[in-house]
Amino acid sequence: MIKLIVTDMDGSLLDDDKNLPVGFMDTLEELRRRGVHFVVASGRSYVSLQHYFSHMEHPPVCICDNGGCMVYRGEVVRARLLPEQKVQKILALRRRLPGLRMTLCCENGTFYESAGPVHDERMHFFYPNATAVEDLEQVRDRAYKIGMSDELEPEKNSMPVLHEMFGDSLSFAMSGERWVDIADAGVCKGEAVALLQRHWGISREETMAFGDHFNDLSLLERAHYGYAMENAVPTLLAAARYTAPSNQVGGVQQVICQRVLQTGAVRSVAAGGE
């Protein structure tokens, strides 16, 4: 019996226009009525997720910043912060290496160095509380993670240097072709899900999860019913036990309705076997 469902947002639960599936609030209410926990696990900060669920009487727990913080009813209930010494060393790399831009995701806001109007617009889409500053190293706030964009490809440019400097004392999550989220050691979506499983007394065999990108690997590892979206990166599709229909056709909702609620309200085209 499924007792916990965890899903990524962008590319998984949300379509490409950043909309929830039609009727999804009714699905959430039915899950709640049946005692099934529903959790969001995203690389985004809470401020860019809250408008989807904040109006609900029973909003889901939100794992944000790839596990850097956990929010329930607008309150941070658990945080894994980057030590300030590491933050400063990472930020200094943008002066040493070409092609790097960094975003500092903190307790009290998100900070970045502007690269022009297009960059500003994109930042404010994903981080409504984003503030442009002249020098990230002068920000005095505690960080959950650093988002790093590497135009020269992370694997060839920045990642070898970071591994040499920090060894295993940092966590890296690829959340885009040239985008890496950097957090303290052990921080990831899967680690946060494991915490909730222990808290609620729920096993891996009672857990269902959905994702589409590299930063969802640890998430799917915590669920026996781990689904890569049809639109997922090849690495995740190869690692996942199951495949869900694309985010463009409400794949997460299709699988939930068919496999958990068993309503038959939405046709499932999920692949895979037990």
Protein backbone atom coordinates (compact mmCIF):
# COMPACT_ATOMS: atom_id res chain seq x y z
CA MET A 1 0.00 0.00 0.00
CA ILE A 2 1.36 3.42 -0.93
CA LYS A 3 1.57 5.73 2.10
CA LEU A 4 3.91 8.43 0.75
CA ILE A 5 4.11 10.15 -2.65
CA VAL A 6 6.96 12.55 -3.42
CA THR A 7 7.30 14.48 -6.66
CA ASP A 8 9.65 16.90 -8.29
CA MET A 9 7.95 20.01 -9.71
CA ASP A 10 9.53 21.36 -12.93
CA GLY A 11 9.46 18.77 -15.68
CA SER A 12 7.50 16.33 -13.50
CA LEU A 13 4.33 17.55 -11.79
CA LEU A 14 4.24 20.88 -13.70
CA ASP A 15 3.84 21.11 -17.45
CA ASP A 16 6.22 23.20 -19.53
CA ASP A 17 4.09 26.30 -18.89
CA LYS A 18 4.55 25.72 -15.13
CA ASN A 19 0.92 24.70 -14.55
CA LEU A 20 -0.41 21.94 -12.30
CA PRO A 21 -2.52 19.22 -13.97
CA VAL A 22 -6.21 20.06 -14.27
CA GLY A 23 -8.07 18.83 -11.19
CA PHE A 24 -4.93 18.14 -9.20
CA MET A 25 -6.23 19.85 -6.05
CA ASP A 26 -9.08 17.32 -5.98
CA THR A 27 -6.49 14.55 -6.31
CA LEU A 28 -4.55 15.96 -3.35
CA GLU A 29 -7.68 16.14 -1.24
CA GLU A 30 -8.52 12.51 -2.02
CA LEU A 31 -4.99 11.45 -1.08
CA ARG A 32 -5.34 13.30 2.22
CA ARG A 33 -8.72 11.69 2.87
CA ARG A 34 -7.14 8.26 2.38
CA GLY A 35 -4.20 9.06 4.67
CA VAL A 36 -1.55 9.20 1.94
CA HIS A 37 1.19 11.78 2.55
CA PHE A 38 2.02 14.00 -0.44
CA VAL A 39 5.36 15.83 -0.55
CA VAL A 40 6.94 18.22 -3.06
CA ALA A 41 10.72 17.93 -3.59
CA SER A 42 12.22 20.70 -5.73
CA GLY A 43 15.47 22.43 -6.50
CA ARG A 44 13.55 25.69 -6.22
CA SER A 45 13.37 27.83 -3.10
CA TYR A 46 10.07 27.88 -1.21
CA VAL A 47 9.21 31.42 -2.28
CA SER A 48 8.77 30.24 -5.89
CA LEU A 49 6.63 27.24 -4.87
CA GLN A 50 4.32 28.66 -2.24
CA HIS A 51 1.74 30.12 -4.62
CA TYR A 52 0.85 26.62 -5.84
CA PHE A 53 -0.22 25.36 -2.41
CA SER A 54 -0.32 28.17 0.19
CA HIS A 55 -4.10 28.66 -0.21
CA MET A 56 -4.76 25.04 0.80
CA GLU A 57 -6.09 24.14 4.24
CA HIS A 58 -3.72 21.16 4.26
CA PRO A 59 -0.69 22.10 2.12
CA PRO A 60 2.01 19.53 1.38
CA VAL A 61 5.41 19.46 3.02
CA CYS A 62 7.86 21.12 0.61
CA ILE A 63 11.44 19.91 0.34
CA CYS A 64 13.16 22.93 -1.19
CA ASP A 65 16.63 23.83 -2.49
CA ASN A 66 17.32 20.15 -3.29
CA GLY A 67 16.98 19.22 0.37
CA GLY A 68 18.55 22.33 1.86
CA CYS A 69 15.36 23.18 3.72
CA MET A 70 11.97 21.70 4.48
CA VAL A 71 8.88 23.89 4.80
CA TYR A 72 5.41 23.18 6.19
CA ARG A 73 2.65 25.78 6.37
CA GLY A 74 5.13 28.50 5.47
CA GLU A 75 7.54 27.67 8.30
CA VAL A 76 11.01 26.18 7.89
CA VAL A 77 10.90 22.99 9.95
CA ARG A 78 14.36 21.77 9.02
CA ALA A 79 17.44 23.40 7.44
CA ARG A 80 20.84 22.19 6.25
CA LEU A 81 23.04 25.25 5.79
CA LEU A 82 26.33 25.69 3.97
CA PRO A 83 29.11 26.73 6.38
CA GLU A 84 30.14 30.33 5.72
CA GLN A 85 33.78 29.39 5.13
CA LYS A 86 32.75 27.06 2.30
CA VAL A 87 30.41 29.69 0.87
CA GLN A 88 33.20 32.24 0.57
CA LYS A 89 35.61 29.77 -1.04
CA ILE A 90 33.02 28.70 -3.60
CA LEU A 91 32.06 32.28 -4.45
CA ALA A 92 35.71 33.17 -4.97
CA LEU A 93 35.87 30.67 -7.84
CA ARG A 94 33.79 32.94 -10.07
CA ARG A 95 36.78 35.32 -10.12
CA ARG A 96 39.26 32.54 -10.93
CA LEU A 97 37.40 30.57 -13.59
CA PRO A 98 35.74 31.88 -16.77
CA GLY A 99 32.08 31.35 -17.59
CA LEU A 100 30.72 31.15 -14.03
CA ARG A 101 27.64 32.84 -12.60
CA MET A 102 26.45 32.11 -9.09
CA THR A 103 23.23 32.51 -7.15
CA LEU A 104 23.15 32.52 -3.37
CA CYS A 105 19.96 30.95 -1.97
CA CYS A 106 19.63 32.02 1.65
CA GLU A 107 17.30 32.08 4.63
CA ASN A 108 16.17 35.65 3.95
CA GLY A 109 16.33 35.90 0.17
CA THR A 110 18.10 34.97 -3.03
CA PHE A 111 21.04 37.04 -4.26
CA TYR A 112 22.79 37.30 -7.60
CA GLU A 113 25.01 39.58 -9.68
CA SER A 114 23.06 40.93 -12.65
CA ALA A 115 24.16 40.13 -16.19
CA GLY A 116 21.48 42.29 -17.83
CA PRO A 117 17.68 42.51 -18.24
CA VAL A 118 17.19 39.01 -19.69
CA HIS A 119 19.13 37.48 -16.81
CA ASP A 120 17.16 39.58 -14.31
CA GLU A 121 13.85 38.43 -15.76
CA ARG A 122 14.84 34.77 -15.59
CA MET A 123 16.06 35.15 -12.02
CA HIS A 124 12.83 36.74 -10.87
CA PHE A 125 10.78 34.01 -12.56
CA PHE A 126 12.44 31.24 -10.56
CA TYR A 127 13.23 33.35 -7.49
CA PRO A 128 10.55 36.01 -6.89
CA ASN A 129 12.55 37.28 -3.90
CA ALA A 130 15.78 37.66 -5.91
CA THR A 131 17.92 40.72 -5.24
CA ALA A 132 20.73 41.87 -7.52
CA VAL A 133 23.89 42.84 -5.63
CA GLU A 134 27.26 44.16 -6.72
CA ASP A 135 29.28 41.54 -4.86
CA LEU A 136 27.93 38.20 -3.59
CA GLU A 137 30.83 37.91 -1.19
CA GLN A 138 29.43 40.86 0.75
CA VAL A 139 26.03 39.20 1.38
CA ARG A 140 25.52 38.50 5.07
CA ASP A 141 22.93 35.77 5.16
CA ARG A 142 23.05 32.03 5.78
CA ALA A 143 22.88 29.95 2.59
CA TYR A 144 21.05 26.71 1.88
CA LYS A 145 22.81 26.30 -1.44
CA ILE A 146 24.72 28.02 -4.22
CA GLY A 147 23.38 27.70 -7.74
CA MET A 148 26.20 27.76 -10.29
CA SER A 149 25.82 28.28 -14.04
CA ASP A 150 28.90 27.22 -16.02
CA GLU A 151 28.87 28.25 -19.68
CA LEU A 152 31.99 26.17 -20.35
CA GLU A 153 30.38 22.92 -19.09
CA PRO A 154 30.66 22.04 -15.39
CA GLU A 155 32.29 18.62 -15.95
CA LYS A 156 35.20 20.23 -17.82
CA ASN A 157 35.55 23.63 -16.18
CA SER A 158 34.37 24.05 -12.59
CA MET A 159 33.64 20.59 -11.20
CA PRO A 160 37.23 19.25 -11.29
CA VAL A 161 38.38 22.32 -9.35
CA LEU A 162 35.56 22.00 -6.79
CA HIS A 163 36.31 18.32 -6.23
CA GLU A 164 39.99 19.09 -5.75
CA MET A 165 39.22 21.88 -3.26
CA PHE A 166 36.48 20.20 -1.23
CA GLY A 167 36.65 16.45 -1.83
CA ASP A 168 33.51 14.82 -0.40
CA SER A 169 32.60 17.74 1.85
CA LEU A 170 30.06 19.15 -0.61
CA SER A 171 27.01 17.80 -2.46
CA PHE A 172 26.49 18.54 -6.16
CA ALA A 173 23.17 18.24 -7.98
CA MET A 174 22.94 18.74 -11.74
CA SER A 175 19.60 20.51 -12.24
CA GLY A 176 20.17 21.66 -15.82
CA GLU A 177 22.56 21.16 -18.73
CA ARG A 178 24.98 23.77 -17.38
CA TRP A 179 23.52 24.34 -13.92
CA VAL A 180 24.82 22.79 -10.68
CA ASP A 181 23.38 23.24 -7.19
CA ILE A 182 26.03 23.13 -4.49
CA ALA A 183 25.12 22.23 -0.89
CA ASP A 184 26.81 20.83 2.19
CA ALA A 185 27.83 17.16 2.26
CA GLY A 186 24.90 14.74 2.29
CA VAL A 187 22.27 17.29 1.33
CA CYS A 188 19.93 15.98 -1.39
CA LYS A 189 16.28 15.25 -2.00
CA GLY A 190 16.68 11.59 -1.03
CA GLU A 191 18.21 12.43 2.34
CA ALA A 192 15.25 14.68 3.16
CA VAL A 193 12.77 12.00 2.08
CA ALA A 194 14.53 9.45 4.29
CA LEU A 195 14.02 11.79 7.24
CA LEU A 196 10.28 11.99 6.54
CA GLN A 197 10.04 8.21 6.10
CA ARG A 198 11.56 7.70 9.54
CA HIS A 199 9.34 10.38 11.08
CA TRP A 200 6.13 8.88 9.65
CA GLY A 201 7.21 5.23 9.94
CA ILE A 202 6.93 4.65 6.19
CA SER A 203 9.12 2.18 4.30
CA ARG A 204 10.72 2.44 0.88
CA GLU A 205 8.24 -0.19 -0.31
CA GLU A 206 5.37 2.10 0.69
CA THR A 207 6.79 5.11 -1.17
CA MET A 208 6.17 6.41 -4.71
CA ALA A 209 8.32 9.14 -6.29
CA PHE A 210 8.55 11.05 -9.57
CA GLY A 211 11.43 12.97 -11.19
CA ASP A 212 12.95 14.05 -14.48
CA HIS A 213 16.53 15.20 -13.93
CA PHE A 214 19.86 14.21 -12.36
CA ASN A 215 18.96 15.86 -9.05
CA ASP A 216 16.08 13.37 -8.72
CA LEU A 217 18.30 10.26 -8.65
CA SER A 218 18.52 10.23 -4.85
CA LEU A 219 14.76 10.83 -4.64
CA LEU A 220 13.90 7.80 -6.76
CA GLU A 221 16.33 5.66 -4.77
CA ARG A 222 14.16 6.20 -1.68
CA ALA A 223 11.05 4.78 -3.38
CA HIS A 224 10.27 1.25 -4.53
CA TYR A 225 7.80 2.86 -6.93
CA GLY A 226 10.29 5.26 -8.47
CA TYR A 227 9.07 6.83 -11.73
CA ALA A 228 11.16 8.71 -14.26
CA MET A 229 9.02 10.94 -16.43
CA GLU A 230 8.86 10.03 -20.11
CA ASN A 231 10.60 13.37 -20.75
CA ALA A 232 13.38 12.66 -18.23
CA VAL A 233 17.11 12.69 -18.97
CA PRO A 234 18.38 9.30 -20.24
CA THR A 235 20.37 8.61 -17.06
CA LEU A 236 17.25 8.83 -14.90
CA LEU A 237 15.17 6.78 -17.33
CA ALA A 238 17.81 4.04 -17.20
CA ALA A 239 17.96 4.08 -13.40
CA ALA A 240 14.22 4.18 -12.67
CA ARG A 241 12.11 1.11 -12.01
CA TYR A 242 9.10 2.67 -13.77
CA THR A 243 8.31 5.27 -16.42
CA ALA A 244 5.43 7.77 -16.15
CA PRO A 245 3.82 9.64 -19.04
CA SER A 246 5.25 13.04 -19.93
CA ASN A 247 4.73 16.09 -17.73
CA GLN A 248 2.92 17.62 -20.70
CA VAL A 249 0.04 15.15 -20.29
CA GLY A 250 -0.17 15.16 -16.49
CA GLY A 251 1.87 11.99 -16.07
CA VAL A 252 2.18 12.26 -12.29
CA GLN A 253 -1.56 12.59 -11.86
CA GLN A 254 -2.21 9.74 -14.30
CA VAL A 255 -0.08 7.33 -12.29
CA ILE A 256 -1.52 8.45 -8.94
CA CYS A 257 -5.09 8.02 -10.15
CA GLN A 258 -4.41 4.61 -11.66
CA ARG A 259 -1.98 3.05 -9.19
CA VAL A 260 -2.90 4.68 -5.87
CA LEU A 261 -6.46 5.97 -6.01
CA GLN A 262 -7.49 3.37 -8.58
CA THR A 263 -10.29 5.63 -9.73
CA GLY A 264 -9.82 4.98 -13.43
CA ALA A 265 -10.47 8.70 -13.86
CA VAL A 266 -7.27 9.18 -15.82
CA ARG A 267 -5.83 6.62 -18.20
CA SER A 268 -2.35 5.44 -17.20
CA VAL A 269 0.29 4.67 -19.80
CA ALA A 270 3.05 4.03 -17.27
CA ALA A 271 5.61 1.46 -18.32
CA GLY A 272 7.63 -0.95 -16.27
CA GLY A 273 6.88 -3.91 -14.02
CA GLU A 274 6.77 -4.91 -10.40
